[in-house]
N, C-alpha and C. Protein backbone atom coordinates (compact mmCIF):
# COMPACT_ATOMS: atom_id res chain seq x y z
N MET A 1 58.20 -1.37 -48.02
CA MET A 1 58.30 0.05 -47.75
C MET A 1 57.01 0.71 -48.24
N ARG A 2 56.34 1.36 -47.38
CA ARG A 2 55.10 2.03 -47.72
C ARG A 2 55.39 3.48 -48.05
N ILE A 3 54.96 3.94 -49.19
CA ILE A 3 55.23 5.31 -49.63
C ILE A 3 54.05 6.18 -49.21
N LYS A 4 54.32 7.25 -48.51
CA LYS A 4 53.27 8.16 -48.07
C LYS A 4 53.39 9.46 -48.85
N PHE A 5 52.26 9.92 -49.36
CA PHE A 5 52.23 11.16 -50.12
C PHE A 5 51.67 12.25 -49.22
N SER A 6 52.33 13.37 -49.18
CA SER A 6 51.91 14.46 -48.30
C SER A 6 52.21 15.79 -48.97
N GLY A 7 52.39 16.79 -48.16
CA GLY A 7 52.68 18.12 -48.67
C GLY A 7 54.06 18.24 -49.26
N VAL A 8 54.90 17.20 -49.11
CA VAL A 8 56.25 17.24 -49.67
C VAL A 8 56.19 17.39 -51.18
N PHE A 9 55.29 16.63 -51.83
CA PHE A 9 55.15 16.71 -53.28
C PHE A 9 54.76 18.12 -53.70
N LEU A 10 53.80 18.70 -52.99
CA LEU A 10 53.35 20.05 -53.32
C LEU A 10 54.45 21.07 -53.09
N CYS A 11 55.19 20.96 -51.99
CA CYS A 11 56.28 21.90 -51.71
C CYS A 11 57.37 21.82 -52.78
N LEU A 12 57.76 20.59 -53.15
CA LEU A 12 58.77 20.44 -54.20
C LEU A 12 58.29 21.05 -55.52
N ALA A 13 57.03 20.82 -55.84
CA ALA A 13 56.49 21.36 -57.09
C ALA A 13 56.54 22.89 -57.09
N ILE A 14 56.17 23.51 -55.98
CA ILE A 14 56.18 24.97 -55.91
C ILE A 14 57.60 25.51 -56.00
N VAL A 15 58.55 24.87 -55.31
CA VAL A 15 59.94 25.32 -55.35
C VAL A 15 60.49 25.22 -56.77
N PHE A 16 60.29 24.08 -57.43
CA PHE A 16 60.80 23.92 -58.78
C PHE A 16 60.11 24.87 -59.76
N MET A 17 58.81 25.09 -59.58
CA MET A 17 58.10 25.99 -60.48
C MET A 17 58.60 27.42 -60.31
N CYS A 18 58.80 27.85 -59.07
CA CYS A 18 59.30 29.20 -58.83
C CYS A 18 60.73 29.37 -59.32
N SER A 19 61.56 28.32 -59.20
CA SER A 19 62.94 28.44 -59.63
C SER A 19 63.05 28.54 -61.14
N SER A 20 62.08 28.00 -61.87
CA SER A 20 62.16 28.06 -63.32
C SER A 20 61.88 29.45 -63.85
N VAL A 21 61.33 30.34 -63.03
CA VAL A 21 61.06 31.71 -63.47
C VAL A 21 62.35 32.41 -63.84
N TYR A 22 63.46 32.05 -63.21
CA TYR A 22 64.73 32.72 -63.44
C TYR A 22 65.55 32.10 -64.57
N ALA A 23 65.04 31.03 -65.19
CA ALA A 23 65.75 30.42 -66.30
C ALA A 23 65.64 31.32 -67.53
N LYS A 24 66.56 31.13 -68.49
CA LYS A 24 66.59 31.97 -69.68
C LYS A 24 65.34 31.80 -70.53
N GLU A 25 64.93 30.56 -70.78
CA GLU A 25 63.76 30.30 -71.60
C GLU A 25 62.83 29.32 -70.89
N PRO A 26 62.21 29.68 -69.79
CA PRO A 26 61.36 28.71 -69.10
C PRO A 26 60.03 28.51 -69.79
N ARG A 27 59.53 27.33 -69.70
CA ARG A 27 58.19 26.98 -70.17
C ARG A 27 57.64 26.02 -69.13
N THR A 28 56.79 26.53 -68.25
CA THR A 28 56.24 25.74 -67.16
C THR A 28 54.74 25.64 -67.32
N GLY A 29 54.19 24.47 -67.03
CA GLY A 29 52.76 24.30 -67.16
C GLY A 29 52.19 23.24 -66.26
N LEU A 30 50.87 23.25 -66.15
CA LEU A 30 50.14 22.24 -65.40
C LEU A 30 49.74 21.12 -66.35
N SER A 31 49.90 19.87 -65.90
CA SER A 31 49.57 18.75 -66.76
C SER A 31 48.44 17.92 -66.16
N ILE A 32 47.66 17.32 -67.04
CA ILE A 32 46.59 16.41 -66.67
C ILE A 32 46.97 15.05 -67.23
N ILE A 33 46.97 14.03 -66.35
CA ILE A 33 47.41 12.69 -66.73
C ILE A 33 46.22 11.74 -66.64
N PRO A 34 45.60 11.38 -67.76
CA PRO A 34 44.46 10.45 -67.70
C PRO A 34 44.94 9.01 -67.58
N THR A 35 44.25 8.23 -66.75
CA THR A 35 44.49 6.79 -66.66
C THR A 35 43.13 6.10 -66.70
N PHE A 36 43.12 4.78 -66.55
CA PHE A 36 41.88 4.03 -66.67
C PHE A 36 40.86 4.38 -65.58
N ASN A 37 41.32 4.63 -64.34
CA ASN A 37 40.35 4.92 -63.28
C ASN A 37 40.74 6.14 -62.45
N SER A 38 41.43 7.10 -63.06
CA SER A 38 41.77 8.31 -62.32
C SER A 38 42.18 9.41 -63.30
N LEU A 39 42.36 10.59 -62.73
CA LEU A 39 42.82 11.74 -63.49
C LEU A 39 43.88 12.42 -62.63
N GLY A 40 45.15 12.26 -63.01
CA GLY A 40 46.24 12.80 -62.22
C GLY A 40 46.60 14.21 -62.61
N LEU A 41 47.36 14.87 -61.74
CA LEU A 41 47.82 16.23 -62.00
C LEU A 41 49.34 16.28 -61.88
N GLY A 42 49.94 17.21 -62.55
CA GLY A 42 51.39 17.34 -62.49
C GLY A 42 51.85 18.73 -62.91
N ILE A 43 53.14 18.92 -62.83
CA ILE A 43 53.79 20.15 -63.28
C ILE A 43 54.93 19.75 -64.20
N ARG A 44 54.97 20.33 -65.38
CA ARG A 44 56.04 20.08 -66.34
C ARG A 44 56.73 21.40 -66.62
N SER A 45 58.05 21.38 -66.67
CA SER A 45 58.81 22.60 -66.93
C SER A 45 60.00 22.28 -67.82
N TRP A 46 60.14 23.05 -68.89
CA TRP A 46 61.33 23.00 -69.72
C TRP A 46 62.18 24.18 -69.29
N ARG A 47 63.25 23.90 -68.55
CA ARG A 47 64.12 24.96 -68.03
C ARG A 47 64.87 25.67 -69.15
N THR A 48 65.27 24.91 -70.16
CA THR A 48 65.88 25.46 -71.37
C THR A 48 65.17 24.78 -72.54
N ALA A 49 65.60 25.06 -73.74
CA ALA A 49 64.98 24.44 -74.90
C ALA A 49 65.22 22.93 -74.94
N GLN A 50 66.29 22.45 -74.29
CA GLN A 50 66.61 21.03 -74.34
C GLN A 50 66.35 20.27 -73.03
N PHE A 51 66.38 20.92 -71.88
CA PHE A 51 66.30 20.21 -70.60
C PHE A 51 65.04 20.59 -69.83
N GLY A 52 64.38 19.58 -69.26
CA GLY A 52 63.18 19.82 -68.49
C GLY A 52 62.98 18.79 -67.40
N TRP A 53 61.93 18.97 -66.62
CA TRP A 53 61.57 18.04 -65.55
C TRP A 53 60.05 18.00 -65.44
N GLU A 54 59.56 16.98 -64.75
CA GLU A 54 58.12 16.85 -64.52
C GLU A 54 57.87 16.13 -63.21
N LEU A 55 56.87 16.59 -62.47
CA LEU A 55 56.39 15.93 -61.26
C LEU A 55 54.93 15.57 -61.48
N GLN A 56 54.57 14.31 -61.16
CA GLN A 56 53.20 13.84 -61.36
C GLN A 56 52.68 13.22 -60.07
N GLY A 57 51.41 13.39 -59.81
CA GLY A 57 50.75 12.75 -58.69
C GLY A 57 49.39 12.27 -59.14
N ASN A 58 48.95 11.15 -58.57
CA ASN A 58 47.72 10.53 -59.03
C ASN A 58 47.07 9.74 -57.90
N THR A 59 45.78 9.87 -57.73
CA THR A 59 45.00 9.07 -56.79
C THR A 59 43.79 8.53 -57.53
N SER A 60 43.48 7.25 -57.36
CA SER A 60 42.36 6.66 -58.07
C SER A 60 41.04 7.24 -57.58
N PHE A 61 39.99 7.14 -58.41
CA PHE A 61 38.69 7.68 -58.08
C PHE A 61 38.12 7.06 -56.81
N ASP A 62 38.36 5.76 -56.59
CA ASP A 62 37.85 5.10 -55.38
C ASP A 62 38.84 5.13 -54.23
N GLY A 63 40.01 5.74 -54.42
CA GLY A 63 40.97 5.94 -53.33
C GLY A 63 41.80 4.73 -52.95
N ASP A 64 41.82 3.68 -53.78
CA ASP A 64 42.57 2.48 -53.39
C ASP A 64 44.05 2.52 -53.78
N TYR A 65 44.48 3.49 -54.59
CA TYR A 65 45.91 3.61 -54.86
C TYR A 65 46.32 5.06 -55.03
N LYS A 66 47.61 5.31 -54.78
CA LYS A 66 48.24 6.61 -54.97
C LYS A 66 49.57 6.36 -55.67
N THR A 67 49.94 7.26 -56.56
CA THR A 67 51.19 7.09 -57.27
C THR A 67 51.84 8.45 -57.53
N GLY A 68 53.14 8.46 -57.68
CA GLY A 68 53.88 9.68 -57.99
C GLY A 68 55.09 9.35 -58.85
N LEU A 69 55.51 10.30 -59.66
CA LEU A 69 56.65 10.12 -60.53
C LEU A 69 57.36 11.45 -60.71
N ALA A 70 58.66 11.45 -60.55
CA ALA A 70 59.50 12.63 -60.82
C ALA A 70 60.47 12.24 -61.92
N LYS A 71 60.53 13.03 -63.00
CA LYS A 71 61.42 12.65 -64.10
C LYS A 71 62.14 13.85 -64.67
N LEU A 72 63.29 13.55 -65.27
CA LEU A 72 64.09 14.53 -66.00
C LEU A 72 63.97 14.22 -67.48
N MET A 73 63.97 15.27 -68.32
CA MET A 73 63.78 15.09 -69.75
C MET A 73 64.86 15.83 -70.53
N TYR A 74 65.25 15.23 -71.66
CA TYR A 74 66.20 15.85 -72.57
C TYR A 74 65.62 15.80 -73.97
N SER A 75 65.60 16.94 -74.66
CA SER A 75 65.07 17.01 -76.01
C SER A 75 66.14 17.53 -76.97
N PRO A 76 66.53 16.73 -77.97
CA PRO A 76 67.49 17.23 -78.95
C PRO A 76 66.87 18.22 -79.94
N SER A 77 65.54 18.27 -80.03
CA SER A 77 64.89 19.19 -80.97
C SER A 77 64.10 20.24 -80.21
N THR A 78 63.90 21.40 -80.82
CA THR A 78 63.15 22.48 -80.18
C THR A 78 61.98 22.93 -81.07
N ASP A 79 61.55 22.08 -81.96
CA ASP A 79 60.44 22.42 -82.86
C ASP A 79 59.12 22.39 -82.11
N LYS A 80 58.01 22.66 -82.85
CA LYS A 80 56.70 22.61 -82.22
C LYS A 80 56.29 21.17 -81.90
N SER A 81 56.90 20.20 -82.55
CA SER A 81 56.76 18.81 -82.16
C SER A 81 58.09 18.39 -81.56
N ARG A 82 58.07 17.98 -80.32
CA ARG A 82 59.30 17.76 -79.57
C ARG A 82 59.48 16.29 -79.23
N PHE A 83 60.56 15.70 -79.69
CA PHE A 83 60.97 14.35 -79.31
C PHE A 83 61.86 14.49 -78.07
N TYR A 84 61.67 13.65 -77.05
CA TYR A 84 62.51 13.74 -75.86
C TYR A 84 62.76 12.38 -75.25
N LEU A 85 63.84 12.30 -74.50
CA LEU A 85 64.21 11.13 -73.72
C LEU A 85 63.97 11.47 -72.25
N PHE A 86 63.60 10.48 -71.45
CA PHE A 86 63.36 10.76 -70.04
C PHE A 86 63.83 9.62 -69.15
N GLY A 87 64.07 9.95 -67.90
CA GLY A 87 64.38 8.99 -66.85
C GLY A 87 63.77 9.52 -65.58
N GLY A 88 63.22 8.63 -64.76
CA GLY A 88 62.56 9.11 -63.56
C GLY A 88 62.47 8.08 -62.46
N LEU A 89 62.13 8.57 -61.27
CA LEU A 89 61.91 7.74 -60.09
C LEU A 89 60.47 7.92 -59.65
N GLY A 90 59.85 6.83 -59.24
CA GLY A 90 58.45 6.91 -58.82
C GLY A 90 58.14 5.91 -57.73
N GLY A 91 56.91 5.95 -57.28
CA GLY A 91 56.45 5.02 -56.27
C GLY A 91 54.94 4.99 -56.25
N PHE A 92 54.38 3.93 -55.67
CA PHE A 92 52.94 3.85 -55.52
C PHE A 92 52.60 2.99 -54.32
N SER A 93 51.38 3.14 -53.84
CA SER A 93 50.88 2.31 -52.76
C SER A 93 49.43 1.96 -53.06
N TYR A 94 49.07 0.71 -52.77
CA TYR A 94 47.72 0.21 -52.96
C TYR A 94 47.18 -0.22 -51.60
N SER A 95 45.87 -0.14 -51.44
CA SER A 95 45.27 -0.67 -50.22
C SER A 95 43.82 -1.05 -50.51
N GLY A 96 43.39 -2.11 -49.87
CA GLY A 96 42.01 -2.59 -50.00
C GLY A 96 41.51 -3.02 -48.64
N ASP A 97 40.42 -3.79 -48.61
CA ASP A 97 39.85 -4.23 -47.34
C ASP A 97 40.80 -5.12 -46.56
N ASN A 98 41.43 -6.08 -47.21
CA ASN A 98 42.32 -7.00 -46.50
C ASN A 98 43.66 -7.21 -47.20
N TRP A 99 44.10 -6.21 -47.98
CA TRP A 99 45.40 -6.30 -48.65
C TRP A 99 45.98 -4.90 -48.82
N SER A 100 47.27 -4.86 -48.98
CA SER A 100 47.96 -3.60 -49.26
C SER A 100 49.25 -3.91 -49.99
N GLY A 101 49.78 -2.94 -50.69
CA GLY A 101 51.02 -3.14 -51.43
C GLY A 101 51.69 -1.81 -51.70
N SER A 102 53.00 -1.86 -51.89
CA SER A 102 53.73 -0.64 -52.20
C SER A 102 54.97 -0.97 -53.01
N SER A 103 55.49 0.03 -53.68
CA SER A 103 56.67 -0.18 -54.50
C SER A 103 57.32 1.16 -54.80
N SER A 104 58.60 1.10 -55.08
CA SER A 104 59.29 2.21 -55.70
C SER A 104 59.89 1.67 -56.98
N TYR A 105 60.03 2.51 -57.98
CA TYR A 105 60.50 2.05 -59.28
C TYR A 105 61.24 3.16 -60.00
N TYR A 106 61.92 2.79 -61.06
CA TYR A 106 62.49 3.79 -61.94
C TYR A 106 62.08 3.46 -63.36
N ALA A 107 61.99 4.51 -64.18
CA ALA A 107 61.53 4.35 -65.55
C ALA A 107 62.45 5.12 -66.49
N ILE A 108 62.65 4.57 -67.68
CA ILE A 108 63.40 5.23 -68.74
C ILE A 108 62.60 5.07 -70.03
N GLY A 109 62.71 6.04 -70.93
CA GLY A 109 61.97 5.91 -72.17
C GLY A 109 62.10 7.12 -73.06
N THR A 110 61.18 7.19 -73.98
CA THR A 110 61.15 8.27 -74.96
C THR A 110 59.72 8.79 -75.08
N GLY A 111 59.59 10.03 -75.47
CA GLY A 111 58.27 10.63 -75.62
C GLY A 111 58.24 11.59 -76.77
N TRP A 112 57.03 12.00 -77.11
CA TRP A 112 56.80 12.95 -78.18
C TRP A 112 55.74 13.93 -77.72
N GLU A 113 56.04 15.22 -77.79
CA GLU A 113 55.10 16.25 -77.37
C GLU A 113 54.74 17.14 -78.56
N TRP A 114 53.44 17.31 -78.79
CA TRP A 114 52.95 18.19 -79.84
C TRP A 114 52.49 19.49 -79.18
N LEU A 115 53.02 20.62 -79.65
CA LEU A 115 52.65 21.93 -79.12
C LEU A 115 51.65 22.59 -80.04
N LYS A 116 50.57 23.12 -79.47
CA LYS A 116 49.49 23.76 -80.24
C LYS A 116 49.20 25.13 -79.65
N GLY A 117 48.38 25.90 -80.32
CA GLY A 117 47.98 27.22 -79.84
C GLY A 117 48.79 28.31 -80.50
N ILE A 118 48.32 29.55 -80.38
CA ILE A 118 48.98 30.69 -81.00
C ILE A 118 50.39 30.87 -80.44
N ARG A 119 50.52 30.74 -79.12
CA ARG A 119 51.84 30.88 -78.49
C ARG A 119 52.48 29.52 -78.20
N LYS A 120 51.94 28.47 -78.79
CA LYS A 120 52.42 27.10 -78.56
C LYS A 120 52.42 26.80 -77.06
N ASN A 121 51.31 27.17 -76.38
CA ASN A 121 51.23 27.00 -74.94
C ASN A 121 50.38 25.80 -74.51
N GLN A 122 50.01 24.95 -75.46
CA GLN A 122 49.29 23.73 -75.13
C GLN A 122 50.04 22.56 -75.73
N GLY A 123 50.21 21.51 -74.93
CA GLY A 123 50.95 20.35 -75.41
C GLY A 123 50.25 19.05 -75.06
N ALA A 124 50.34 18.09 -75.95
CA ALA A 124 49.87 16.74 -75.69
C ALA A 124 51.05 15.82 -75.92
N SER A 125 51.27 14.89 -75.02
CA SER A 125 52.44 14.01 -75.17
C SER A 125 52.06 12.56 -74.98
N PHE A 126 52.87 11.70 -75.57
CA PHE A 126 52.74 10.25 -75.46
C PHE A 126 54.12 9.70 -75.16
N GLU A 127 54.22 8.77 -74.20
CA GLU A 127 55.51 8.22 -73.79
C GLU A 127 55.47 6.70 -73.76
N ILE A 128 56.58 6.09 -74.16
CA ILE A 128 56.75 4.65 -74.01
C ILE A 128 58.15 4.41 -73.43
N GLY A 129 58.28 3.33 -72.70
CA GLY A 129 59.58 3.03 -72.12
C GLY A 129 59.53 1.77 -71.27
N LEU A 130 60.48 1.67 -70.36
CA LEU A 130 60.59 0.52 -69.47
C LEU A 130 60.61 1.00 -68.02
N GLN A 131 60.02 0.21 -67.13
CA GLN A 131 60.08 0.50 -65.70
C GLN A 131 60.62 -0.73 -64.98
N PHE A 132 61.32 -0.47 -63.87
CA PHE A 132 61.95 -1.55 -63.13
C PHE A 132 61.68 -1.35 -61.64
N GLY A 133 61.34 -2.42 -60.94
CA GLY A 133 61.11 -2.36 -59.51
C GLY A 133 60.40 -3.61 -59.03
N GLU A 134 60.19 -3.70 -57.72
CA GLU A 134 59.49 -4.82 -57.12
C GLU A 134 58.24 -4.33 -56.40
N VAL A 135 57.23 -5.18 -56.35
CA VAL A 135 56.00 -4.89 -55.63
C VAL A 135 55.90 -5.86 -54.46
N GLU A 136 55.55 -5.35 -53.30
CA GLU A 136 55.35 -6.20 -52.13
C GLU A 136 53.89 -6.06 -51.69
N TYR A 137 53.14 -7.18 -51.74
CA TYR A 137 51.74 -7.20 -51.32
C TYR A 137 51.63 -7.93 -49.99
N GLU A 138 50.79 -7.41 -49.13
CA GLU A 138 50.52 -8.04 -47.84
C GLU A 138 49.03 -8.34 -47.76
N PHE A 139 48.69 -9.61 -47.58
CA PHE A 139 47.31 -10.04 -47.47
C PHE A 139 47.03 -10.44 -46.02
N SER A 140 45.89 -10.08 -45.51
CA SER A 140 45.49 -10.54 -44.17
C SER A 140 44.05 -11.01 -44.23
N TYR A 141 43.83 -12.21 -43.68
CA TYR A 141 42.49 -12.79 -43.70
C TYR A 141 42.36 -13.73 -42.52
N GLY A 142 41.36 -13.53 -41.72
CA GLY A 142 41.11 -14.42 -40.59
C GLY A 142 42.25 -14.48 -39.59
N GLY A 143 42.96 -13.40 -39.41
CA GLY A 143 44.06 -13.39 -38.45
C GLY A 143 45.40 -13.84 -39.03
N TYR A 144 45.41 -14.31 -40.25
CA TYR A 144 46.66 -14.74 -40.90
C TYR A 144 47.14 -13.64 -41.84
N THR A 145 48.45 -13.49 -41.91
CA THR A 145 49.05 -12.49 -42.79
C THR A 145 50.06 -13.16 -43.70
N SER A 146 50.03 -12.80 -44.97
CA SER A 146 50.96 -13.36 -45.94
C SER A 146 51.54 -12.22 -46.78
N THR A 147 52.81 -12.32 -47.13
CA THR A 147 53.47 -11.32 -47.95
C THR A 147 53.99 -11.96 -49.24
N ILE A 148 53.74 -11.31 -50.35
CA ILE A 148 54.19 -11.79 -51.67
C ILE A 148 54.96 -10.66 -52.34
N THR A 149 56.11 -10.98 -52.92
CA THR A 149 56.91 -10.01 -53.65
C THR A 149 57.10 -10.49 -55.08
N PHE A 150 56.91 -9.58 -56.05
CA PHE A 150 57.15 -9.93 -57.45
C PHE A 150 57.63 -8.70 -58.21
N GLU A 151 58.20 -8.93 -59.39
CA GLU A 151 58.74 -7.87 -60.23
C GLU A 151 57.62 -7.11 -60.93
N LEU A 152 57.82 -5.80 -61.09
CA LEU A 152 56.87 -4.99 -61.87
C LEU A 152 56.91 -5.39 -63.33
N PRO A 153 55.79 -5.30 -64.04
CA PRO A 153 55.86 -5.49 -65.49
C PRO A 153 56.69 -4.37 -66.11
N ASN A 154 57.50 -4.71 -67.09
CA ASN A 154 58.45 -3.75 -67.63
C ASN A 154 57.89 -2.66 -68.52
N PRO A 155 56.85 -2.87 -69.33
CA PRO A 155 56.42 -1.78 -70.23
C PRO A 155 55.90 -0.58 -69.46
N TYR A 156 56.29 0.60 -69.90
CA TYR A 156 55.79 1.86 -69.36
C TYR A 156 55.12 2.61 -70.50
N ILE A 157 53.85 2.98 -70.31
CA ILE A 157 53.12 3.75 -71.31
C ILE A 157 52.47 4.92 -70.58
N GLY A 158 52.64 6.11 -71.09
CA GLY A 158 52.06 7.28 -70.44
C GLY A 158 51.67 8.34 -71.44
N GLY A 159 50.90 9.28 -70.98
CA GLY A 159 50.49 10.39 -71.82
C GLY A 159 49.89 11.47 -70.96
N ASN A 160 49.91 12.69 -71.45
CA ASN A 160 49.29 13.78 -70.71
C ASN A 160 49.03 14.98 -71.61
N TYR A 161 48.26 15.90 -71.05
CA TYR A 161 47.97 17.19 -71.69
C TYR A 161 48.57 18.25 -70.78
N VAL A 162 49.29 19.23 -71.35
CA VAL A 162 49.92 20.28 -70.58
C VAL A 162 49.47 21.63 -71.09
N PHE A 163 49.13 22.51 -70.16
CA PHE A 163 48.85 23.91 -70.51
C PHE A 163 49.98 24.74 -69.92
N TYR A 164 50.82 25.32 -70.80
CA TYR A 164 51.96 26.13 -70.36
C TYR A 164 51.52 27.57 -70.14
N PHE A 165 52.02 28.17 -69.09
CA PHE A 165 51.71 29.58 -68.80
C PHE A 165 52.95 30.41 -68.75
């Protein structure tokens, strides 16, 4: 299954961001997700002090992969340092000169967000957890095509910077 990223991600992000304006205590912000060869963007929103969501999108600098993740978050604490649990669904697609691959996956884990600034409107977070899914690669060379399927590695490690407005 090849995952295509389009305006759907942007439309969902705008709808969710606008809907959080009517929540009792919304905290919505833009996030920057650094990786080894790209810089992703996302939207994070805490609808209440305990419940939130995040949408992330990422494309590598050389354009050979695209990835996205949508997750829900629960935080038992509301301090300036926030511990939270999360679960999410994601997908990615890779492509090269003579190969391509795609996958969908789900991830569960825990994270920690540090809030800084006078109004606590800047956050940095670190996440660890597990991801589950399969990857299907298709290789083509000299008119021959081969498909290989294998399990995703389980560790999930993530981090981002969020500016809340």
